[in-house]
Amino acid sequence: MGYKEKPITKLYYSIGEVAKMFGVNNSLIRFWEKEFDILKPKKNAKGNRLFTQKDVDNLKVIYHLVKERGFTLEGAKKKLRENKGDTIQNEEIVERLKDIRSFLVDLRDNL
């Protein structure tokens, strides 16, 4: 299951909302937060994590590397350190291709 695109309507997302976007458990999001330095969600007075759109974008890249491309955590960290720009660009290309495929499948089914 891939990342589900959702229009940006909020400044902050709860950990439950973020986990639902990616179809993973809250605990995996917390684990990735500890493992990857690029994830720095804000915490409110109660200690609840508040993710910005930038955090969600970084999670999208991590999800792409770990879940879709099968990188180990160490491999994903190394890839992000060495070549984050290309990784983000590749992830965006994959997302566009998935959208095009979905459009074409819908078009075929409606014919």
PDB file of N, CA and C in Angstrom:
ATOM      1  N   MET A   1       0.842  -1.171   0.000  1.00  0.00           N
ATOM      2  CA  MET A   1       0.000   0.000   0.000  1.00  0.00           C
ATOM      3  C   MET A   1       0.887   1.234   0.000  1.00  0.00           C
ATOM      4  N   GLY A   2       0.637   2.180  -0.859  1.00  0.00           N
ATOM      5  CA  GLY A   2       1.457   3.365  -0.986  1.00  0.00           C
ATOM      6  C   GLY A   2       0.913   4.540  -0.208  1.00  0.00           C
ATOM      7  N   TYR A   3       1.600   5.621  -0.317  1.00  0.00           N
ATOM      8  CA  TYR A   3       1.220   6.855   0.339  1.00  0.00           C
ATOM      9  C   TYR A   3      -0.063   7.384  -0.287  1.00  0.00           C
ATOM     10  N   LYS A   4      -0.995   7.842   0.533  1.00  0.00           N
ATOM     11  CA  LYS A   4      -2.259   8.380   0.044  1.00  0.00           C
ATOM     12  C   LYS A   4      -2.189   9.904   0.065  1.00  0.00           C
ATOM     13  N   GLU A   5      -2.332  10.498  -1.103  1.00  0.00           N
ATOM     14  CA  GLU A   5      -2.251  11.945  -1.232  1.00  0.00           C
ATOM     15  C   GLU A   5      -3.451  12.596  -0.565  1.00  0.00           C
ATOM     16  N   LYS A   6      -3.206  13.640   0.203  1.00  0.00           N
ATOM     17  CA  LYS A   6      -4.261  14.366   0.896  1.00  0.00           C
ATOM     18  C   LYS A   6      -3.981  15.853   0.726  1.00  0.00           C
ATOM     19  N   PRO A   7      -4.981  16.642   0.363  1.00  0.00           N
ATOM     20  CA  PRO A   7      -4.727  18.072   0.177  1.00  0.00           C
ATOM     21  C   PRO A   7      -4.300  18.727   1.496  1.00  0.00           C
ATOM     22  N   ILE A   8      -3.398  19.692   1.379  1.00  0.00           N
ATOM     23  CA  ILE A   8      -2.893  20.385   2.563  1.00  0.00           C
ATOM     24  C   ILE A   8      -3.970  21.338   3.062  1.00  0.00           C
ATOM     25  N   THR A   9      -4.449  21.093   4.267  1.00  0.00           N
ATOM     26  CA  THR A   9      -5.469  21.965   4.836  1.00  0.00           C
ATOM     27  C   THR A   9      -5.120  22.374   6.259  1.00  0.00           C
ATOM     28  N   LYS A  10      -4.091  21.777   6.834  1.00  0.00           N
ATOM     29  CA  LYS A  10      -3.756  22.019   8.227  1.00  0.00           C
ATOM     30  C   LYS A  10      -2.281  22.401   8.358  1.00  0.00           C
ATOM     31  N   LEU A  11      -1.967  23.118   9.421  1.00  0.00           N
ATOM     32  CA  LEU A  11      -0.573  23.438   9.709  1.00  0.00           C
ATOM     33  C   LEU A  11       0.109  22.283  10.415  1.00  0.00           C
ATOM     34  N   TYR A  12      -0.642  21.575  11.270  1.00  0.00           N
ATOM     35  CA  TYR A  12      -0.079  20.472  12.032  1.00  0.00           C
ATOM     36  C   TYR A  12      -0.972  19.251  11.943  1.00  0.00           C
ATOM     37  N   TYR A  13      -0.328  18.088  11.906  1.00  0.00           N
ATOM     38  CA  TYR A  13      -1.037  16.813  11.868  1.00  0.00           C
ATOM     39  C   TYR A  13      -0.649  16.000  13.098  1.00  0.00           C
ATOM     40  N   SER A  14      -1.605  15.296  13.670  1.00  0.00           N
ATOM     41  CA  SER A  14      -1.315  14.423  14.809  1.00  0.00           C
ATOM     42  C   SER A  14      -0.617  13.171  14.300  1.00  0.00           C
ATOM     43  N   ILE A  15      -0.021  12.428  15.207  1.00  0.00           N
ATOM     44  CA  ILE A  15       0.675  11.205  14.820  1.00  0.00           C
ATOM     45  C   ILE A  15      -0.306  10.191  14.234  1.00  0.00           C
ATOM     46  N   GLY A  16      -1.540  10.174  14.735  1.00  0.00           N
ATOM     47  CA  GLY A  16      -2.557   9.269  14.202  1.00  0.00           C
ATOM     48  C   GLY A  16      -2.906   9.593  12.758  1.00  0.00           C
ATOM     49  N   GLU A  17      -3.032  10.881  12.460  1.00  0.00           N
ATOM     50  CA  GLU A  17      -3.334  11.294  11.088  1.00  0.00           C
ATOM     51  C   GLU A  17      -2.185  10.936  10.140  1.00  0.00           C
ATOM     52  N   VAL A  18      -0.965  11.155  10.600  1.00  0.00           N
ATOM     53  CA  VAL A  18       0.207  10.860   9.765  1.00  0.00           C
ATOM     54  C   VAL A  18       0.307   9.353   9.529  1.00  0.00           C
ATOM     55  N   ALA A  19       0.119   8.574  10.584  1.00  0.00           N
ATOM     56  CA  ALA A  19       0.187   7.115  10.449  1.00  0.00           C
ATOM     57  C   ALA A  19      -0.881   6.626   9.479  1.00  0.00           C
ATOM     58  N   LYS A  20      -2.062   7.213   9.536  1.00  0.00           N
ATOM     59  CA  LYS A  20      -3.147   6.820   8.631  1.00  0.00           C
ATOM     60  C   LYS A  20      -2.809   7.173   7.182  1.00  0.00           C
ATOM     61  N   MET A  21      -2.143   8.310   6.950  1.00  0.00           N
ATOM     62  CA  MET A  21      -1.745   8.704   5.592  1.00  0.00           C
ATOM     63  C   MET A  21      -0.871   7.635   4.942  1.00  0.00           C
ATOM     64  N   PHE A  22       0.005   7.024   5.763  1.00  0.00           N
ATOM     65  CA  PHE A  22       0.955   6.054   5.243  1.00  0.00           C
ATOM     66  C   PHE A  22       0.508   4.615   5.446  1.00  0.00           C
ATOM     67  N   GLY A  23      -0.590   4.406   6.143  1.00  0.00           N
ATOM     68  CA  GLY A  23      -1.085   3.055   6.372  1.00  0.00           C
ATOM     69  C   GLY A  23      -0.169   2.251   7.288  1.00  0.00           C
ATOM     70  N   VAL A  24       0.419   2.917   8.280  1.00  0.00           N
ATOM     71  CA  VAL A  24       1.318   2.250   9.224  1.00  0.00           C
ATOM     72  C   VAL A  24       0.845   2.535  10.653  1.00  0.00           C
ATOM     73  N   ASN A  25       1.458   1.863  11.619  1.00  0.00           N
ATOM     74  CA  ASN A  25       1.130   2.089  13.024  1.00  0.00           C
ATOM     75  C   ASN A  25       1.812   3.348  13.555  1.00  0.00           C
ATOM     76  N   ASN A  26       1.201   3.921  14.606  1.00  0.00           N
ATOM     77  CA  ASN A  26       1.804   5.091  15.257  1.00  0.00           C
ATOM     78  C   ASN A  26       3.206   4.771  15.755  1.00  0.00           C
ATOM     79  N   SER A  27       3.389   3.551  16.234  1.00  0.00           N
ATOM     80  CA  SER A  27       4.689   3.171  16.792  1.00  0.00           C
ATOM     81  C   SER A  27       5.792   3.221  15.726  1.00  0.00           C
ATOM     82  N   LEU A  28       5.461   2.911  14.477  1.00  0.00           N
ATOM     83  CA  LEU A  28       6.468   2.985  13.414  1.00  0.00           C
ATOM     84  C   LEU A  28       6.881   4.433  13.168  1.00  0.00           C
ATOM     85  N   ILE A  29       5.929   5.344  13.220  1.00  0.00           N
ATOM     86  CA  ILE A  29       6.242   6.768  13.046  1.00  0.00           C
ATOM     87  C   ILE A  29       7.156   7.229  14.189  1.00  0.00           C
ATOM     88  N   ARG A  30       6.848   6.827  15.421  1.00  0.00           N
ATOM     89  CA  ARG A  30       7.701   7.187  16.566  1.00  0.00           C
ATOM     90  C   ARG A  30       9.098   6.584  16.406  1.00  0.00           C
ATOM     91  N   PHE A  31       9.161   5.343  15.945  1.00  0.00           N
ATOM     92  CA  PHE A  31      10.450   4.682  15.735  1.00  0.00           C
ATOM     93  C   PHE A  31      11.271   5.422  14.688  1.00  0.00           C
ATOM     94  N   TRP A  32      10.646   5.759  13.563  1.00  0.00           N
ATOM     95  CA  TRP A  32      11.359   6.498  12.515  1.00  0.00           C
ATOM     96  C   TRP A  32      11.817   7.856  13.030  1.00  0.00           C
ATOM     97  N   GLU A  33      11.027   8.484  13.897  1.00  0.00           N
ATOM     98  CA  GLU A  33      11.419   9.777  14.469  1.00  0.00           C
ATOM     99  C   GLU A  33      12.735   9.637  15.240  1.00  0.00           C
ATOM    100  N   LYS A  34      12.882   8.537  15.972  1.00  0.00           N
ATOM    101  CA  LYS A  34      14.125   8.312  16.728  1.00  0.00           C
ATOM    102  C   LYS A  34      15.296   7.983  15.803  1.00  0.00           C
ATOM    103  N   GLU A  35      15.025   7.281  14.717  1.00  0.00           N
ATOM    104  CA  GLU A  35      16.077   6.799  13.827  1.00  0.00           C
ATOM    105  C   GLU A  35      16.584   7.850  12.829  1.00  0.00           C
ATOM    106  N   PHE A  36      15.719   8.744  12.372  1.00  0.00           N
ATOM    107  CA  PHE A  36      16.076   9.710  11.319  1.00  0.00           C
ATOM    108  C   PHE A  36      16.101  11.125  11.889  1.00  0.00           C
ATOM    109  N   ASP A  37      17.262  11.797  11.739  1.00  0.00           N
ATOM    110  CA  ASP A  37      17.412  13.155  12.287  1.00  0.00           C
ATOM    111  C   ASP A  37      16.532  14.182  11.580  1.00  0.00           C
ATOM    112  N   ILE A  38      16.133  13.890  10.348  1.00  0.00           N
ATOM    113  CA  ILE A  38      15.363  14.891   9.592  1.00  0.00           C
ATOM    114  C   ILE A  38      13.935  15.021  10.121  1.00  0.00           C
ATOM    115  N   LEU A  39      13.491  14.106  10.968  1.00  0.00           N
ATOM    116  CA  LEU A  39      12.157  14.186  11.548  1.00  0.00           C
ATOM    117  C   LEU A  39      12.234  14.876  12.905  1.00  0.00           C
ATOM    118  N   LYS A  40      11.647  16.038  12.980  1.00  0.00           N
ATOM    119  CA  LYS A  40      11.651  16.808  14.220  1.00  0.00           C
ATOM    120  C   LYS A  40      10.254  17.382  14.478  1.00  0.00           C
ATOM    121  N   PRO A  41       9.272  16.530  14.801  1.00  0.00           N
ATOM    122  CA  PRO A  41       7.937  17.087  15.063  1.00  0.00           C
ATOM    123  C   PRO A  41       7.937  17.911  16.343  1.00  0.00           C
ATOM    124  N   LYS A  42       7.103  18.920  16.358  1.00  0.00           N
ATOM    125  CA  LYS A  42       6.955  19.732  17.561  1.00  0.00           C
ATOM    126  C   LYS A  42       6.118  18.936  18.559  1.00  0.00           C
ATOM    127  N   LYS A  43       6.243  19.269  19.833  1.00  0.00           N
ATOM    128  CA  LYS A  43       5.427  18.617  20.850  1.00  0.00           C
ATOM    129  C   LYS A  43       4.699  19.702  21.629  1.00  0.00           C
ATOM    130  N   ASN A  44       3.403  19.446  21.896  1.00  0.00           N
ATOM    131  CA  ASN A  44       2.639  20.411  22.666  1.00  0.00           C
ATOM    132  C   ASN A  44       2.889  20.192  24.156  1.00  0.00           C
ATOM    133  N   ALA A  45       2.172  20.933  25.002  1.00  0.00           N
ATOM    134  CA  ALA A  45       2.376  20.858  26.446  1.00  0.00           C
ATOM    135  C   ALA A  45       2.127  19.453  26.989  1.00  0.00           C
ATOM    136  N   LYS A  46       1.230  18.706  26.362  1.00  0.00           N
ATOM    137  CA  LYS A  46       0.943  17.335  26.799  1.00  0.00           C
ATOM    138  C   LYS A  46       1.971  16.336  26.289  1.00  0.00           C
ATOM    139  N   GLY A  47       2.817  16.761  25.354  1.00  0.00           N
ATOM    140  CA  GLY A  47       3.814  15.864  24.784  1.00  0.00           C
ATOM    141  C   GLY A  47       3.357  15.195  23.501  1.00  0.00           C
ATOM    142  N   ASN A  48       2.196  15.584  22.983  1.00  0.00           N
ATOM    143  CA  ASN A  48       1.702  15.027  21.720  1.00  0.00           C
ATOM    144  C   ASN A  48       2.519  15.587  20.562  1.00  0.00           C
ATOM    145  N   ARG A  49       2.857  14.718  19.629  1.00  0.00           N
ATOM    146  CA  ARG A  49       3.639  15.131  18.466  1.00  0.00           C
ATOM    147  C   ARG A  49       2.752  15.861  17.468  1.00  0.00           C
ATOM    148  N   LEU A  50       3.291  16.959  16.943  1.00  0.00           N
ATOM    149  CA  LEU A  50       2.594  17.736  15.924  1.00  0.00           C
ATOM    150  C   LEU A  50       3.499  17.821  14.701  1.00  0.00           C
ATOM    151  N   PHE A  51       3.075  17.192  13.621  1.00  0.00           N
ATOM    152  CA  PHE A  51       3.878  17.109  12.409  1.00  0.00           C
ATOM    153  C   PHE A  51       3.487  18.211  11.432  1.00  0.00           C
ATOM    154  N   THR A  52       4.494  18.915  10.904  1.00  0.00           N
ATOM    155  CA  THR A  52       4.261  19.924   9.877  1.00  0.00           C
ATOM    156  C   THR A  52       4.236  19.239   8.513  1.00  0.00           C
ATOM    157  N   GLN A  53       3.901  19.997   7.471  1.00  0.00           N
ATOM    158  CA  GLN A  53       3.917  19.441   6.120  1.00  0.00           C
ATOM    159  C   GLN A  53       5.335  19.019   5.739  1.00  0.00           C
ATOM    160  N   LYS A  54       6.349  19.751   6.211  1.00  0.00           N
ATOM    161  CA  LYS A  54       7.733  19.376   5.929  1.00  0.00           C
ATOM    162  C   LYS A  54       8.049  18.010   6.539  1.00  0.00           C
ATOM    163  N   ASP A  55       7.569  17.763   7.759  1.00  0.00           N
ATOM    164  CA  ASP A  55       7.765  16.456   8.393  1.00  0.00           C
ATOM    165  C   ASP A  55       7.090  15.358   7.578  1.00  0.00           C
ATOM    166  N   VAL A  56       5.886  15.636   7.097  1.00  0.00           N
ATOM    167  CA  VAL A  56       5.157  14.653   6.293  1.00  0.00           C
ATOM    168  C   VAL A  56       5.909  14.370   4.993  1.00  0.00           C
ATOM    169  N   ASP A  57       6.461  15.419   4.386  1.00  0.00           N
ATOM    170  CA  ASP A  57       7.246  15.231   3.155  1.00  0.00           C
ATOM    171  C   ASP A  57       8.489  14.377   3.421  1.00  0.00           C
ATOM    172  N   ASN A  58       9.158  14.627   4.557  1.00  0.00           N
ATOM    173  CA  ASN A  58      10.322  13.820   4.915  1.00  0.00           C
ATOM    174  C   ASN A  58       9.917  12.367   5.183  1.00  0.00           C
ATOM    175  N   LEU A  59       8.776  12.172   5.822  1.00  0.00           N
ATOM    176  CA  LEU A  59       8.274  10.820   6.059  1.00  0.00           C
ATOM    177  C   LEU A  59       7.944  10.122   4.745  1.00  0.00           C
ATOM    178  N   LYS A  60       7.458  10.893   3.788  1.00  0.00           N
ATOM    179  CA  LYS A  60       7.147  10.315   2.477  1.00  0.00           C
ATOM    180  C   LYS A  60       8.413   9.744   1.829  1.00  0.00           C
ATOM    181  N   VAL A  61       9.522  10.474   1.951  1.00  0.00           N
ATOM    182  CA  VAL A  61      10.790  10.008   1.390  1.00  0.00           C
ATOM    183  C   VAL A  61      11.269   8.760   2.141  1.00  0.00           C
ATOM    184  N   ILE A  62      11.186   8.783   3.462  1.00  0.00           N
ATOM    185  CA  ILE A  62      11.597   7.630   4.269  1.00  0.00           C
ATOM    186  C   ILE A  62      10.734   6.424   3.931  1.00  0.00           C
ATOM    187  N   TYR A  63       9.420   6.624   3.829  1.00  0.00           N
ATOM    188  CA  TYR A  63       8.500   5.533   3.486  1.00  0.00           C
ATOM    189  C   TYR A  63       8.873   4.946   2.127  1.00  0.00           C
ATOM    190  N   HIS A  64       9.153   5.827   1.170  1.00  0.00           N
ATOM    191  CA  HIS A  64       9.513   5.386  -0.172  1.00  0.00           C
ATOM    192  C   HIS A  64      10.763   4.510  -0.136  1.00  0.00           C
ATOM    193  N   LEU A  65      11.779   4.956   0.590  1.00  0.00           N
ATOM    194  CA  LEU A  65      13.030   4.199   0.637  1.00  0.00           C
ATOM    195  C   LEU A  65      12.864   2.865   1.365  1.00  0.00           C
ATOM    196  N   VAL A  66      12.226   2.894   2.525  1.00  0.00           N
ATOM    197  CA  VAL A  66      12.164   1.708   3.378  1.00  0.00           C
ATOM    198  C   VAL A  66      11.090   0.729   2.924  1.00  0.00           C
ATOM    199  N   LYS A  67       9.900   1.215   2.674  1.00  0.00           N
ATOM    200  CA  LYS A  67       8.773   0.321   2.384  1.00  0.00           C
ATOM    201  C   LYS A  67       8.642  -0.020   0.898  1.00  0.00           C
ATOM    202  N   GLU A  68       8.864   0.949   0.029  1.00  0.00           N
ATOM    203  CA  GLU A  68       8.652   0.708  -1.391  1.00  0.00           C
ATOM    204  C   GLU A  68       9.905   0.200  -2.098  1.00  0.00           C
ATOM    205  N   ARG A  69      11.067   0.707  -1.708  1.00  0.00           N
ATOM    206  CA  ARG A  69      12.308   0.286  -2.380  1.00  0.00           C
ATOM    207  C   ARG A  69      13.069  -0.768  -1.595  1.00  0.00           C
ATOM    208  N   GLY A  70      12.664  -1.048  -0.364  1.00  0.00           N
ATOM    209  CA  GLY A  70      13.247  -2.131   0.408  1.00  0.00           C
ATOM    210  C   GLY A  70      14.597  -1.837   1.038  1.00  0.00           C
ATOM    211  N   PHE A  71      14.922  -0.576   1.254  1.00  0.00           N
ATOM    212  CA  PHE A  71      16.175  -0.220   1.904  1.00  0.00           C
ATOM    213  C   PHE A  71      16.128  -0.627   3.373  1.00  0.00           C
ATOM    214  N   THR A  72      17.285  -0.964   3.945  1.00  0.00           N
ATOM    215  CA  THR A  72      17.382  -1.126   5.394  1.00  0.00           C
ATOM    216  C   THR A  72      17.387   0.277   5.992  1.00  0.00           C
ATOM    217  N   LEU A  73      17.218   0.367   7.308  1.00  0.00           N
ATOM    218  CA  LEU A  73      17.245   1.683   7.940  1.00  0.00           C
ATOM    219  C   LEU A  73      18.610   2.346   7.741  1.00  0.00           C
ATOM    220  N   GLU A  74      19.670   1.565   7.908  1.00  0.00           N
ATOM    221  CA  GLU A  74      21.012   2.125   7.705  1.00  0.00           C
ATOM    222  C   GLU A  74      21.212   2.568   6.255  1.00  0.00           C
ATOM    223  N   GLY A  75      20.716   1.771   5.326  1.00  0.00           N
ATOM    224  CA  GLY A  75      20.822   2.125   3.914  1.00  0.00           C
ATOM    225  C   GLY A  75      20.049   3.390   3.591  1.00  0.00           C
ATOM    226  N   ALA A  76      18.866   3.530   4.177  1.00  0.00           N
ATOM    227  CA  ALA A  76      18.047   4.731   3.954  1.00  0.00           C
ATOM    228  C   ALA A  76      18.731   5.955   4.550  1.00  0.00           C
ATOM    229  N   LYS A  77      19.301   5.808   5.739  1.00  0.00           N
ATOM    230  CA  LYS A  77      20.016   6.934   6.360  1.00  0.00           C
ATOM    231  C   LYS A  77      21.193   7.372   5.490  1.00  0.00           C
ATOM    232  N   LYS A  78      21.935   6.384   5.000  1.00  0.00           N
ATOM    233  CA  LYS A  78      23.097   6.682   4.150  1.00  0.00           C
ATOM    234  C   LYS A  78      22.656   7.378   2.865  1.00  0.00           C
ATOM    235  N   LYS A  79      21.597   6.885   2.244  1.00  0.00           N
ATOM    236  CA  LYS A  79      21.077   7.476   1.007  1.00  0.00           C
ATOM    237  C   LYS A  79      20.647   8.920   1.245  1.00  0.00           C
ATOM    238  N   LEU A  80      19.977   9.176   2.368  1.00  0.00           N
ATOM    239  CA  LEU A  80      19.529  10.532   2.677  1.00  0.00           C
ATOM    240  C   LEU A  80      20.715  11.459   2.963  1.00  0.00           C
ATOM    241  N   ARG A  81      21.738  10.946   3.621  1.00  0.00           N
ATOM    242  CA  ARG A  81      22.931  11.757   3.899  1.00  0.00           C
ATOM    243  C   ARG A  81      23.669  12.111   2.617  1.00  0.00           C
ATOM    244  N   GLU A  82      23.832  11.115   1.749  1.00  0.00           N
ATOM    245  CA  GLU A  82      24.656  11.299   0.556  1.00  0.00           C
ATOM    246  C   GLU A  82      23.936  12.016  -0.577  1.00  0.00           C
ATOM    247  N   ASN A  83      22.652  11.732  -0.754  1.00  0.00           N
ATOM    248  CA  ASN A  83      21.992  12.207  -1.968  1.00  0.00           C
ATOM    249  C   ASN A  83      20.505  12.453  -1.749  1.00  0.00           C
ATOM    250  N   LYS A  84      20.175  13.297  -0.806  1.00  0.00           N
ATOM    251  CA  LYS A  84      18.766  13.527  -0.478  1.00  0.00           C
ATOM    252  C   LYS A  84      18.001  14.133  -1.661  1.00  0.00           C
ATOM    253  N   GLY A  85      18.627  15.032  -2.385  1.00  0.00           N
ATOM    254  CA  GLY A  85      17.950  15.695  -3.507  1.00  0.00           C
ATOM    255  C   GLY A  85      17.487  14.719  -4.571  1.00  0.00           C
ATOM    256  N   ASP A  86      18.375  13.823  -4.976  1.00  0.00           N
ATOM    257  CA  ASP A  86      18.004  12.820  -5.983  1.00  0.00           C
ATOM    258  C   ASP A  86      16.948  11.869  -5.454  1.00  0.00           C
ATOM    259  N   THR A  87      17.040  11.520  -4.181  1.00  0.00           N
ATOM    260  CA  THR A  87      16.064  10.616  -3.568  1.00  0.00           C
ATOM    261  C   THR A  87      14.678  11.238  -3.593  1.00  0.00           C
ATOM    262  N   ILE A  88      14.593  12.503  -3.247  1.00  0.00           N
ATOM    263  CA  ILE A  88      13.306  13.206  -3.260  1.00  0.00           C
ATOM    264  C   ILE A  88      12.775  13.283  -4.688  1.00  0.00           C
ATOM    265  N   GLN A  89      13.646  13.604  -5.639  1.00  0.00           N
ATOM    266  CA  GLN A  89      13.226  13.698  -7.033  1.00  0.00           C
ATOM    267  C   GLN A  89      12.721  12.345  -7.540  1.00  0.00           C
ATOM    268  N   ASN A  90      13.425  11.264  -7.218  1.00  0.00           N
ATOM    269  CA  ASN A  90      12.998   9.927  -7.632  1.00  0.00           C
ATOM    270  C   ASN A  90      11.647   9.561  -7.027  1.00  0.00           C
ATOM    271  N   GLU A  91      11.454   9.905  -5.766  1.00  0.00           N
ATOM    272  CA  GLU A  91      10.188   9.611  -5.095  1.00  0.00           C
ATOM    273  C   GLU A  91       9.046  10.370  -5.764  1.00  0.00           C
ATOM    274  N   GLU A  92       9.292  11.634  -6.131  1.00  0.00           N
ATOM    275  CA  GLU A  92       8.267  12.436  -6.800  1.00  0.00           C
ATOM    276  C   GLU A  92       7.926  11.848  -8.168  1.00  0.00           C
ATOM    277  N   ILE A  93       8.935  11.373  -8.888  1.00  0.00           N
ATOM    278  CA  ILE A  93       8.701  10.765 -10.203  1.00  0.00           C
ATOM    279  C   ILE A  93       7.855   9.510 -10.055  1.00  0.00           C
ATOM    280  N   VAL A  94       8.173   8.684  -9.064  1.00  0.00           N
ATOM    281  CA  VAL A  94       7.394   7.463  -8.818  1.00  0.00           C
ATOM    282  C   VAL A  94       5.947   7.812  -8.505  1.00  0.00           C
ATOM    283  N   GLU A  95       5.725   8.843  -7.694  1.00  0.00           N
ATOM    284  CA  GLU A  95       4.359   9.249  -7.359  1.00  0.00           C
ATOM    285  C   GLU A  95       3.601   9.726  -8.600  1.00  0.00           C
ATOM    286  N   ARG A  96       4.259  10.498  -9.457  1.00  0.00           N
ATOM    287  CA  ARG A  96       3.613  10.971 -10.689  1.00  0.00           C
ATOM    288  C   ARG A  96       3.254   9.795 -11.600  1.00  0.00           C
ATOM    289  N   LEU A  97       4.169   8.846 -11.713  1.00  0.00           N
ATOM    290  CA  LEU A  97       3.899   7.663 -12.541  1.00  0.00           C
ATOM    291  C   LEU A  97       2.735   6.847 -11.991  1.00  0.00           C
ATOM    292  N   LYS A  98       2.645   6.743 -10.668  1.00  0.00           N
ATOM    293  CA  LYS A  98       1.512   6.035 -10.058  1.00  0.00           C
ATOM    294  C   LYS A  98       0.194   6.751 -10.367  1.00  0.00           C
ATOM    295  N   ASP A  99       0.221   8.084 -10.312  1.00  0.00           N
ATOM    296  CA  ASP A  99      -0.983   8.863 -10.632  1.00  0.00           C
ATOM    297  C   ASP A  99      -1.391   8.652 -12.087  1.00  0.00           C
ATOM    298  N   ILE A 100      -0.416   8.666 -12.984  1.00  0.00           N
ATOM    299  CA  ILE A 100      -0.701   8.455 -14.407  1.00  0.00           C
ATOM    300  C   ILE A 100      -1.268   7.065 -14.633  1.00  0.00           C
ATOM    301  N   ARG A 101      -0.675   6.076 -13.990  1.00  0.00           N
ATOM    302  CA  ARG A 101      -1.164   4.696 -14.126  1.00  0.00           C
ATOM    303  C   ARG A 101      -2.598   4.586 -13.620  1.00  0.00           C
ATOM    304  N   SER A 102      -2.869   5.191 -12.476  1.00  0.00           N
ATOM    305  CA  SER A 102      -4.217   5.162 -11.908  1.00  0.00           C
ATOM    306  C   SER A 102      -5.215   5.814 -12.865  1.00  0.00           C
ATOM    307  N   PHE A 103      -4.825   6.948 -13.450  1.00  0.00           N
ATOM    308  CA  PHE A 103      -5.685   7.634 -14.411  1.00  0.00           C
ATOM    309  C   PHE A 103      -5.962   6.741 -15.616  1.00  0.00           C
ATOM    310  N   LEU A 104      -4.916   6.114 -16.149  1.00  0.00           N
ATOM    311  CA  LEU A 104      -5.075   5.257 -17.323  1.00  0.00           C
ATOM    312  C   LEU A 104      -5.932   4.022 -17.019  1.00  0.00           C
ATOM    313  N   VAL A 105      -5.764   3.441 -15.850  1.00  0.00           N
ATOM    314  CA  VAL A 105      -6.596   2.300 -15.460  1.00  0.00           C
ATOM    315  C   VAL A 105      -8.049   2.705 -15.346  1.00  0.00           C
ATOM    316  N   ASP A 106      -8.309   3.870 -14.735  1.00  0.00           N
ATOM    317  CA  ASP A 106      -9.686   4.370 -14.631  1.00  0.00           C
ATOM    318  C   ASP A 106     -10.268   4.632 -16.020  1.00  0.00           C
ATOM    319  N   LEU A 107      -9.451   5.213 -16.897  1.00  0.00           N
ATOM    320  CA  LEU A 107      -9.894   5.500 -18.252  1.00  0.00           C
ATOM    321  C   LEU A 107     -10.251   4.217 -18.978  1.00  0.00           C
ATOM    322  N   ARG A 108      -9.398   3.193 -18.877  1.00  0.00           N
ATOM    323  CA  ARG A 108      -9.644   1.903 -19.504  1.00  0.00           C
ATOM    324  C   ARG A 108     -10.934   1.266 -18.962  1.00  0.00           C
ATOM    325  N   ASP A 109     -11.119   1.330 -17.652  1.00  0.00           N
ATOM    326  CA  ASP A 109     -12.299   0.726 -17.048  1.00  0.00           C
ATOM    327  C   ASP A 109     -13.588   1.429 -17.447  1.00  0.00           C
ATOM    328  N   ASN A 110     -13.505   2.698 -17.784  1.00  0.00           N
ATOM    329  CA  ASN A 110     -14.702   3.460 -18.178  1.00  0.00           C
ATOM    330  C   ASN A 110     -15.010   3.356 -19.660  1.00  0.00           C
ATOM    331  N   LEU A 111     -14.150   2.727 -20.424  1.00  0.00           N
ATOM    332  CA  LEU A 111     -14.405   2.583 -21.866  1.00  0.00           C
ATOM    333  C   LEU A 111     -15.337   1.433 -22.155  1.00  0.00           C
TER     334      LEU A 111
END
